[in-house]
Amino acid sequence: MDAVALTGSLAACAVMVGAATLTGWRLDAVSRRGGGADDYFWVGFGGVVVIAAAGLVGGSLGGGGAVLAVVVGIVSVVATVAWSWHSHARRSRAADEAAAADARADLRRRHAAVVRRWADYDVDPGKAIHYPAMHDPRHPVGRPVVRALRAADAARDDPAPPDPECYAAAVDRLERAFATAEHEIGRSTPDPESLPGNRSRGTFRG
């Protein structure tokens, strides 16, 4: 192999490696911004055209340079595809994990909100006196709420691998049970004037 052919083959290999690197970077950029299939196609197509053209030039020089150009071309394409796929898959997994974490955090907030509202019927003296059924597991009004609370707590604290769907369903049932209980006790809401601290002091008549 003469010096000119060797130089040409090495130059073709350098072009192929550079084109593969640039194509991989551009594919990763498409993945980061959530591009569509057309974006991937045209970026990949452009990279393949450049690599193929450089490979043809290197291969046309003959001898060992042609073999080197073919090997470098194939390795460059395979490496670019593998790296781009791995990077995209890793980014997709991270996005899915973040979305799952956000969803679970939202479920915990909803769960805690119902618990706070339910506890208010125990710590607030007025509500505790007039709505004792809300915390009574034997009462038809309080029983579904207490059961739903226990189920939601169990789904949240389960030591086994978390089941988002199970916890979500438990929180939904808890919200419905509590809303139904509030509706039921609201049908028999006492006169606000009868609650502690709100009793009328009467009207002064001169």
C-alpha atoms as a PDB file:
ATOM      1  CA  MET A   1       0.000   0.000   0.000  1.00  0.00           C
ATOM      2  CA  ASP A   2       1.537   3.322  -1.061  1.00  0.00           C
ATOM      3  CA  ALA A   3       1.580   6.418   1.109  1.00  0.00           C
ATOM      4  CA  VAL A   4      -1.176   8.149  -0.859  1.00  0.00           C
ATOM      5  CA  ALA A   5      -3.583   5.195  -0.501  1.00  0.00           C
ATOM      6  CA  LEU A   6      -2.808   4.877   3.195  1.00  0.00           C
ATOM      7  CA  THR A   7      -3.333   8.585   3.771  1.00  0.00           C
ATOM      8  CA  GLY A   8      -6.624   8.463   1.855  1.00  0.00           C
ATOM      9  CA  SER A   9      -7.843   5.460   3.816  1.00  0.00           C
ATOM     10  CA  LEU A  10      -6.975   7.043   7.136  1.00  0.00           C
ATOM     11  CA  ALA A  11      -8.684  10.277   6.093  1.00  0.00           C
ATOM     12  CA  ALA A  12     -11.807   8.340   5.080  1.00  0.00           C
ATOM     13  CA  CYS A  13     -11.774   6.517   8.434  1.00  0.00           C
ATOM     14  CA  ALA A  14     -11.443   9.836  10.274  1.00  0.00           C
ATOM     15  CA  VAL A  15     -14.416  11.230   8.348  1.00  0.00           C
ATOM     16  CA  MET A  16     -16.509   8.165   9.162  1.00  0.00           C
ATOM     17  CA  VAL A  17     -15.668   8.313  12.862  1.00  0.00           C
ATOM     18  CA  GLY A  18     -16.400  12.040  12.959  1.00  0.00           C
ATOM     19  CA  ALA A  19     -19.686  11.607  11.082  1.00  0.00           C
ATOM     20  CA  ALA A  20     -20.721   8.784  13.410  1.00  0.00           C
ATOM     21  CA  THR A  21     -19.893  10.884  16.487  1.00  0.00           C
ATOM     22  CA  LEU A  22     -21.822  13.887  15.177  1.00  0.00           C
ATOM     23  CA  THR A  23     -24.773  11.698  14.198  1.00  0.00           C
ATOM     24  CA  GLY A  24     -24.857  10.131  17.641  1.00  0.00           C
ATOM     25  CA  TRP A  25     -24.796  13.577  19.277  1.00  0.00           C
ATOM     26  CA  ARG A  26     -27.604  14.819  17.040  1.00  0.00           C
ATOM     27  CA  LEU A  27     -29.702  11.698  17.710  1.00  0.00           C
ATOM     28  CA  ASP A  28     -29.238  12.242  21.425  1.00  0.00           C
ATOM     29  CA  ALA A  29     -30.354  15.871  21.003  1.00  0.00           C
ATOM     30  CA  VAL A  30     -33.493  14.672  19.206  1.00  0.00           C
ATOM     31  CA  SER A  31     -34.161  12.296  22.085  1.00  0.00           C
ATOM     32  CA  ARG A  32     -33.696  15.050  24.681  1.00  0.00           C
ATOM     33  CA  ARG A  33     -36.220  17.346  23.026  1.00  0.00           C
ATOM     34  CA  GLY A  34     -38.688  14.514  22.370  1.00  0.00           C
ATOM     35  CA  GLY A  35     -38.473  14.542  18.579  1.00  0.00           C
ATOM     36  CA  GLY A  36     -40.604  12.389  16.338  1.00  0.00           C
ATOM     37  CA  ALA A  37     -39.778   9.477  14.038  1.00  0.00           C
ATOM     38  CA  ASP A  38     -39.111  11.805  11.100  1.00  0.00           C
ATOM     39  CA  ASP A  39     -36.425  13.630  13.084  1.00  0.00           C
ATOM     40  CA  TYR A  40     -34.653  10.374  13.901  1.00  0.00           C
ATOM     41  CA  PHE A  41     -34.904   9.214  10.302  1.00  0.00           C
ATOM     42  CA  TRP A  42     -33.400  12.301   8.694  1.00  0.00           C
ATOM     43  CA  VAL A  43     -30.602  12.645  11.232  1.00  0.00           C
ATOM     44  CA  GLY A  44     -29.728   8.954  10.870  1.00  0.00           C
ATOM     45  CA  PHE A  45     -30.069   9.080   7.095  1.00  0.00           C
ATOM     46  CA  GLY A  46     -27.705  12.032   6.829  1.00  0.00           C
ATOM     47  CA  GLY A  47     -25.128  10.309   8.981  1.00  0.00           C
ATOM     48  CA  VAL A  48     -25.333   7.057   7.005  1.00  0.00           C
ATOM     49  CA  VAL A  49     -24.910   8.916   3.700  1.00  0.00           C
ATOM     50  CA  VAL A  50     -21.742  10.631   4.892  1.00  0.00           C
ATOM     51  CA  ILE A  51     -20.302   7.425   6.377  1.00  0.00           C
ATOM     52  CA  ALA A  52     -21.155   5.427   3.257  1.00  0.00           C
ATOM     53  CA  ALA A  53     -19.606   8.042   0.972  1.00  0.00           C
ATOM     54  CA  ALA A  54     -16.396   8.120   3.010  1.00  0.00           C
ATOM     55  CA  GLY A  55     -16.336   4.335   3.073  1.00  0.00           C
ATOM     56  CA  LEU A  56     -16.662   4.157  -0.711  1.00  0.00           C
ATOM     57  CA  VAL A  57     -13.791   6.583  -1.132  1.00  0.00           C
ATOM     58  CA  GLY A  58     -11.623   4.612   1.272  1.00  0.00           C
ATOM     59  CA  GLY A  59     -12.605   1.316  -0.299  1.00  0.00           C
ATOM     60  CA  SER A  60     -11.848   2.530  -3.818  1.00  0.00           C
ATOM     61  CA  LEU A  61      -8.207   2.956  -2.868  1.00  0.00           C
ATOM     62  CA  GLY A  62      -7.852  -0.821  -2.717  1.00  0.00           C
ATOM     63  CA  GLY A  63      -5.566  -3.011  -0.670  1.00  0.00           C
ATOM     64  CA  GLY A  64      -5.610  -3.052   3.094  1.00  0.00           C
ATOM     65  CA  GLY A  65      -7.041   0.466   3.192  1.00  0.00           C
ATOM     66  CA  ALA A  66     -10.285  -0.780   1.677  1.00  0.00           C
ATOM     67  CA  VAL A  67     -10.629  -3.422   4.372  1.00  0.00           C
ATOM     68  CA  LEU A  68      -9.831  -0.873   7.073  1.00  0.00           C
ATOM     69  CA  ALA A  69     -12.427   1.557   5.671  1.00  0.00           C
ATOM     70  CA  VAL A  70     -15.132  -1.122   5.625  1.00  0.00           C
ATOM     71  CA  VAL A  71     -14.354  -2.228   9.182  1.00  0.00           C
ATOM     72  CA  VAL A  72     -14.283   1.322  10.536  1.00  0.00           C
ATOM     73  CA  GLY A  73     -17.510   2.164   8.731  1.00  0.00           C
ATOM     74  CA  ILE A  74     -19.380  -0.832  10.139  1.00  0.00           C
ATOM     75  CA  VAL A  75     -18.019  -0.319  13.657  1.00  0.00           C
ATOM     76  CA  SER A  76     -18.886   3.400  13.555  1.00  0.00           C
ATOM     77  CA  VAL A  77     -22.490   2.762  12.528  1.00  0.00           C
ATOM     78  CA  VAL A  78     -23.002  -0.032  15.059  1.00  0.00           C
ATOM     79  CA  ALA A  79     -21.419   1.971  17.881  1.00  0.00           C
ATOM     80  CA  THR A  80     -23.519   5.045  17.067  1.00  0.00           C
ATOM     81  CA  VAL A  81     -26.772   3.071  16.988  1.00  0.00           C
ATOM     82  CA  ALA A  82     -25.942   1.208  20.198  1.00  0.00           C
ATOM     83  CA  TRP A  83     -24.925   4.349  22.103  1.00  0.00           C
ATOM     84  CA  SER A  84     -27.951   6.334  20.891  1.00  0.00           C
ATOM     85  CA  TRP A  85     -30.333   3.527  21.800  1.00  0.00           C
ATOM     86  CA  HIS A  86     -28.788   3.082  25.239  1.00  0.00           C
ATOM     87  CA  SER A  87     -28.908   6.817  25.928  1.00  0.00           C
ATOM     88  CA  HIS A  88     -32.529   7.077  24.822  1.00  0.00           C
ATOM     89  CA  ALA A  89     -33.555   4.042  26.883  1.00  0.00           C
ATOM     90  CA  ARG A  90     -31.802   5.421  29.967  1.00  0.00           C
ATOM     91  CA  ARG A  91     -33.514   8.806  29.545  1.00  0.00           C
ATOM     92  CA  SER A  92     -36.903   7.110  29.081  1.00  0.00           C
ATOM     93  CA  ARG A  93     -36.416   5.044  32.251  1.00  0.00           C
ATOM     94  CA  ALA A  94     -35.459   8.158  34.207  1.00  0.00           C
ATOM     95  CA  ALA A  95     -38.541   9.995  32.921  1.00  0.00           C
ATOM     96  CA  ASP A  96     -40.794   7.050  33.814  1.00  0.00           C
ATOM     97  CA  GLU A  97     -39.303   6.821  37.306  1.00  0.00           C
ATOM     98  CA  ALA A  98     -39.748  10.569  37.841  1.00  0.00           C
ATOM     99  CA  ALA A  99     -43.364  10.397  36.672  1.00  0.00           C
ATOM    100  CA  ALA A 100     -44.025   7.433  38.967  1.00  0.00           C
ATOM    101  CA  ALA A 101     -42.471   9.275  41.908  1.00  0.00           C
ATOM    102  CA  ASP A 102     -44.607  12.350  41.205  1.00  0.00           C
ATOM    103  CA  ALA A 103     -47.738  10.220  40.962  1.00  0.00           C
ATOM    104  CA  ARG A 104     -46.978   8.483  44.249  1.00  0.00           C
ATOM    105  CA  ALA A 105     -46.253  11.814  45.942  1.00  0.00           C
ATOM    106  CA  ASP A 106     -49.608  13.127  44.713  1.00  0.00           C
ATOM    107  CA  LEU A 107     -51.353  10.042  46.100  1.00  0.00           C
ATOM    108  CA  ARG A 108     -49.666  10.578  49.462  1.00  0.00           C
ATOM    109  CA  ARG A 109     -50.819  14.206  49.502  1.00  0.00           C
ATOM    110  CA  ARG A 110     -54.403  13.185  48.751  1.00  0.00           C
ATOM    111  CA  HIS A 111     -54.230  10.460  51.390  1.00  0.00           C
ATOM    112  CA  ALA A 112     -52.858  12.850  54.014  1.00  0.00           C
ATOM    113  CA  ALA A 113     -55.500  15.467  53.173  1.00  0.00           C
ATOM    114  CA  VAL A 114     -58.325  13.028  53.905  1.00  0.00           C
ATOM    115  CA  VAL A 115     -56.627  11.884  57.112  1.00  0.00           C
ATOM    116  CA  ARG A 116     -56.351  15.493  58.315  1.00  0.00           C
ATOM    117  CA  ARG A 117     -60.001  16.198  57.561  1.00  0.00           C
ATOM    118  CA  TRP A 118     -61.080  12.953  59.222  1.00  0.00           C
ATOM    119  CA  ALA A 119     -58.926  13.647  62.313  1.00  0.00           C
ATOM    120  CA  ASP A 120     -60.549  17.059  62.612  1.00  0.00           C
ATOM    121  CA  TYR A 121     -63.777  15.306  63.588  1.00  0.00           C
ATOM    122  CA  ASP A 122     -61.943  13.981  66.651  1.00  0.00           C
ATOM    123  CA  VAL A 123     -59.759  16.892  67.733  1.00  0.00           C
ATOM    124  CA  ASP A 124     -62.351  19.609  67.175  1.00  0.00           C
ATOM    125  CA  PRO A 125     -64.607  19.593  70.281  1.00  0.00           C
ATOM    126  CA  GLY A 126     -67.691  20.777  68.418  1.00  0.00           C
ATOM    127  CA  LYS A 127     -67.370  18.160  65.677  1.00  0.00           C
ATOM    128  CA  ALA A 128     -66.444  15.429  68.156  1.00  0.00           C
ATOM    129  CA  ILE A 129     -69.637  16.086  70.119  1.00  0.00           C
ATOM    130  CA  HIS A 130     -72.042  16.445  67.228  1.00  0.00           C
ATOM    131  CA  TYR A 131     -70.512  13.931  64.786  1.00  0.00           C
ATOM    132  CA  PRO A 132     -69.186  11.017  66.885  1.00  0.00           C
ATOM    133  CA  ALA A 133     -70.215   8.576  64.157  1.00  0.00           C
ATOM    134  CA  MET A 134     -67.344   9.683  61.914  1.00  0.00           C
ATOM    135  CA  HIS A 135     -64.803   7.860  64.131  1.00  0.00           C
ATOM    136  CA  ASP A 136     -67.045   4.975  65.181  1.00  0.00           C
ATOM    137  CA  PRO A 137     -66.082   1.783  63.279  1.00  0.00           C
ATOM    138  CA  ARG A 138     -69.420   0.232  64.277  1.00  0.00           C
ATOM    139  CA  HIS A 139     -71.572   3.039  62.925  1.00  0.00           C
ATOM    140  CA  PRO A 140     -72.870   2.788  59.318  1.00  0.00           C
ATOM    141  CA  VAL A 141     -71.441   6.240  58.593  1.00  0.00           C
ATOM    142  CA  GLY A 142     -67.996   5.792  60.116  1.00  0.00           C
ATOM    143  CA  ARG A 143     -67.437   2.122  59.266  1.00  0.00           C
ATOM    144  CA  PRO A 144     -66.646   2.575  55.539  1.00  0.00           C
ATOM    145  CA  VAL A 145     -64.295   5.476  56.311  1.00  0.00           C
ATOM    146  CA  VAL A 146     -62.361   3.565  58.966  1.00  0.00           C
ATOM    147  CA  ARG A 147     -62.042   0.538  56.681  1.00  0.00           C
ATOM    148  CA  ALA A 148     -60.940   2.673  53.741  1.00  0.00           C
ATOM    149  CA  LEU A 149     -58.365   4.417  55.925  1.00  0.00           C
ATOM    150  CA  ARG A 150     -56.909   1.110  57.062  1.00  0.00           C
ATOM    151  CA  ALA A 151     -56.756  -0.171  53.483  1.00  0.00           C
ATOM    152  CA  ALA A 152     -55.053   2.992  52.242  1.00  0.00           C
ATOM    153  CA  ASP A 153     -52.527   2.887  55.095  1.00  0.00           C
ATOM    154  CA  ALA A 154     -51.788  -0.778  54.355  1.00  0.00           C
ATOM    155  CA  ALA A 155     -51.281  -0.096  50.629  1.00  0.00           C
ATOM    156  CA  ARG A 156     -48.982   2.839  51.408  1.00  0.00           C
ATOM    157  CA  ASP A 157     -46.900   0.977  54.015  1.00  0.00           C
ATOM    158  CA  ASP A 158     -46.760  -2.417  52.302  1.00  0.00           C
ATOM    159  CA  PRO A 159     -43.126  -3.665  52.631  1.00  0.00           C
ATOM    160  CA  ALA A 160     -43.447  -5.578  49.358  1.00  0.00           C
ATOM    161  CA  PRO A 161     -42.586  -3.817  46.083  1.00  0.00           C
ATOM    162  CA  PRO A 162     -45.076  -0.934  45.793  1.00  0.00           C
ATOM    163  CA  ASP A 163     -48.107  -1.392  43.581  1.00  0.00           C
ATOM    164  CA  PRO A 164     -49.089   2.102  42.335  1.00  0.00           C
ATOM    165  CA  GLU A 165     -52.424   0.905  40.993  1.00  0.00           C
ATOM    166  CA  CYS A 166     -53.357  -0.736  44.292  1.00  0.00           C
ATOM    167  CA  TYR A 167     -52.485   2.379  46.300  1.00  0.00           C
ATOM    168  CA  ALA A 168     -54.278   4.650  43.813  1.00  0.00           C
ATOM    169  CA  ALA A 169     -57.413   2.528  44.042  1.00  0.00           C
ATOM    170  CA  ALA A 170     -57.231   2.578  47.857  1.00  0.00           C
ATOM    171  CA  VAL A 171     -56.921   6.369  47.935  1.00  0.00           C
ATOM    172  CA  ASP A 172     -59.831   6.727  45.503  1.00  0.00           C
ATOM    173  CA  ARG A 173     -62.000   4.511  47.719  1.00  0.00           C
ATOM    174  CA  LEU A 174     -60.966   6.520  50.778  1.00  0.00           C
ATOM    175  CA  GLU A 175     -61.911   9.822  49.172  1.00  0.00           C
ATOM    176  CA  ARG A 176     -65.281   8.458  48.067  1.00  0.00           C
ATOM    177  CA  ALA A 177     -66.004   6.925  51.481  1.00  0.00           C
ATOM    178  CA  PHE A 178     -65.137  10.141  53.308  1.00  0.00           C
ATOM    179  CA  ALA A 179     -67.174  12.295  50.896  1.00  0.00           C
ATOM    180  CA  THR A 180     -70.158   9.986  51.381  1.00  0.00           C
ATOM    181  CA  ALA A 181     -69.792  10.110  55.164  1.00  0.00           C
ATOM    182  CA  GLU A 182     -69.634  13.908  55.166  1.00  0.00           C
ATOM    183  CA  HIS A 183     -72.708  14.002  52.974  1.00  0.00           C
ATOM    184  CA  GLU A 184     -74.569  11.710  55.363  1.00  0.00           C
ATOM    185  CA  ILE A 185     -73.699  13.671  58.477  1.00  0.00           C
ATOM    186  CA  GLY A 186     -74.338  16.921  56.628  1.00  0.00           C
ATOM    187  CA  ARG A 187     -77.954  15.902  56.236  1.00  0.00           C
ATOM    188  CA  SER A 188     -78.313  16.149  60.007  1.00  0.00           C
ATOM    189  CA  THR A 189     -76.058  19.178  60.609  1.00  0.00           C
ATOM    190  CA  PRO A 190     -77.017  20.927  63.846  1.00  0.00           C
ATOM    191  CA  ASP A 191     -77.840  24.597  64.081  1.00  0.00           C
ATOM    192  CA  PRO A 192     -74.509  26.516  64.077  1.00  0.00           C
ATOM    193  CA  GLU A 193     -75.759  28.492  67.058  1.00  0.00           C
ATOM    194  CA  SER A 194     -75.765  25.295  69.077  1.00  0.00           C
ATOM    195  CA  LEU A 195     -72.052  24.606  68.567  1.00  0.00           C
ATOM    196  CA  PRO A 196     -69.705  25.481  71.451  1.00  0.00           C
ATOM    197  CA  GLY A 197     -68.652  29.108  71.370  1.00  0.00           C
ATOM    198  CA  ASN A 198     -71.391  30.012  68.910  1.00  0.00           C
ATOM    199  CA  ARG A 199     -74.416  30.065  71.199  1.00  0.00           C
ATOM    200  CA  SER A 200     -76.455  33.187  70.906  1.00  0.00           C
ATOM    201  CA  ARG A 201     -76.163  35.518  73.839  1.00  0.00           C
ATOM    202  CA  GLY A 202     -79.674  36.788  73.286  1.00  0.00           C
ATOM    203  CA  THR A 203     -80.867  40.217  72.299  1.00  0.00           C
ATOM    204  CA  PHE A 204     -80.586  43.071  74.776  1.00  0.00           C
ATOM    205  CA  ARG A 205     -83.778  44.954  75.198  1.00  0.00           C
ATOM    206  CA  GLY A 206     -83.799  48.295  76.910  1.00  0.00           C
END
